[in-house]
């Protein structure tokens, strides 16, 4: 995985709070910030594209050529539909 640099400007007060929090956790400020970002993304339900595709594959839903599927939907014909 490729890393990217991110620059964030924070107030002096916030920076001191970050340093104190990182110190209490015995990690660098950058590591503390990365962890905080990951935790927030997890709380908001962030799902990577890879995770989303894996979840869709687990459904084992019917698949076909997209044009065929659109035509079937338009005609109201669903091959595996149960009445």
Protein backbone atom coordinates (compact mmCIF):
# COMPACT_ATOMS: atom_id res chain seq x y z
CA UNK A 1 0.00 0.00 0.00
CA UNK A 2 1.28 3.41 -0.92
CA UNK A 3 1.45 6.08 1.79
CA UNK A 4 0.41 9.67 1.23
CA UNK A 5 1.49 12.75 3.12
CA UNK A 6 -1.28 14.85 4.65
CA UNK A 7 -0.66 18.27 6.12
CA UNK A 8 -3.19 19.59 8.61
CA UNK A 9 -2.94 22.97 10.27
CA UNK A 10 -4.12 23.06 13.89
CA UNK A 11 -4.14 25.69 16.57
CA UNK A 12 -1.41 25.77 19.18
CA UNK A 13 -3.90 24.65 21.83
CA UNK A 14 -5.03 21.67 19.76
CA UNK A 15 -1.44 20.72 18.98
CA UNK A 16 -0.56 20.67 22.69
CA UNK A 17 -3.63 18.53 23.39
CA UNK A 18 -2.54 16.13 20.65
CA UNK A 19 0.99 15.93 22.07
CA UNK A 20 -0.35 15.21 25.54
CA UNK A 21 -2.72 12.52 24.28
CA UNK A 22 0.02 10.90 22.19
CA UNK A 23 2.38 11.03 25.17
CA UNK A 24 -0.16 9.30 27.40
CA UNK A 25 -0.46 6.57 24.75
CA UNK A 26 3.34 6.40 24.29
CA UNK A 27 3.09 6.96 20.53
CA UNK A 28 4.12 9.70 18.13
CA UNK A 29 1.61 12.45 17.37
CA UNK A 30 1.33 11.24 13.77
CA UNK A 31 0.51 7.69 14.91
CA UNK A 32 -2.07 9.01 17.38
CA UNK A 33 -3.73 11.11 14.67
CA UNK A 34 -3.80 8.16 12.22
CA UNK A 35 -5.47 5.99 14.86
CA UNK A 36 -8.01 8.70 15.64
CA UNK A 37 -8.88 9.07 11.96
CA UNK A 38 -9.31 5.29 11.58
CA UNK A 39 -11.53 5.11 14.67
CA UNK A 40 -13.74 7.92 13.36
CA UNK A 41 -14.05 6.32 9.94
CA UNK A 42 -14.97 3.00 11.55
CA UNK A 43 -17.67 4.69 13.66
CA UNK A 44 -19.12 6.28 10.55
CA UNK A 45 -19.31 2.90 8.84
CA UNK A 46 -16.59 3.47 6.27
CA UNK A 47 -16.24 0.41 4.06
CA UNK A 48 -13.43 0.06 1.55
CA UNK A 49 -14.33 -0.86 -2.04
CA UNK A 50 -12.67 -4.24 -1.51
CA UNK A 51 -14.81 -4.92 1.58
CA UNK A 52 -17.97 -3.87 -0.26
CA UNK A 53 -17.23 -6.21 -3.17
CA UNK A 54 -16.49 -9.09 -0.79
CA UNK A 55 -19.85 -8.52 0.94
CA UNK A 56 -21.67 -8.51 -2.41
CA UNK A 57 -19.96 -11.73 -3.48
CA UNK A 58 -21.13 -13.43 -0.27
CA UNK A 59 -24.74 -12.77 -1.29
CA UNK A 60 -24.31 -15.15 -4.25
CA UNK A 61 -27.02 -13.27 -6.11
CA UNK A 62 -27.90 -13.95 -9.73
CA UNK A 63 -25.66 -12.27 -12.26
CA UNK A 64 -25.86 -11.88 -16.00
CA UNK A 65 -24.94 -9.53 -18.78
CA UNK A 66 -26.06 -6.05 -17.73
CA UNK A 67 -28.04 -5.47 -20.94
CA UNK A 68 -29.89 -8.79 -20.42
CA UNK A 69 -30.64 -7.89 -16.81
CA UNK A 70 -32.01 -4.47 -17.78
CA UNK A 71 -34.19 -6.06 -20.47
CA UNK A 72 -35.53 -8.64 -17.98
CA UNK A 73 -36.30 -5.95 -15.41
CA UNK A 74 -38.04 -3.86 -18.06
CA UNK A 75 -40.18 -6.79 -19.21
CA UNK A 76 -41.09 -7.76 -15.67
CA UNK A 77 -39.56 -11.21 -16.17
CA UNK A 78 -37.44 -12.41 -13.28
CA UNK A 79 -36.01 -15.91 -13.88
CA UNK A 80 -35.54 -16.85 -10.24
CA UNK A 81 -38.54 -15.01 -8.82
CA UNK A 82 -40.82 -16.99 -6.57
CA UNK A 83 -44.53 -16.29 -6.79
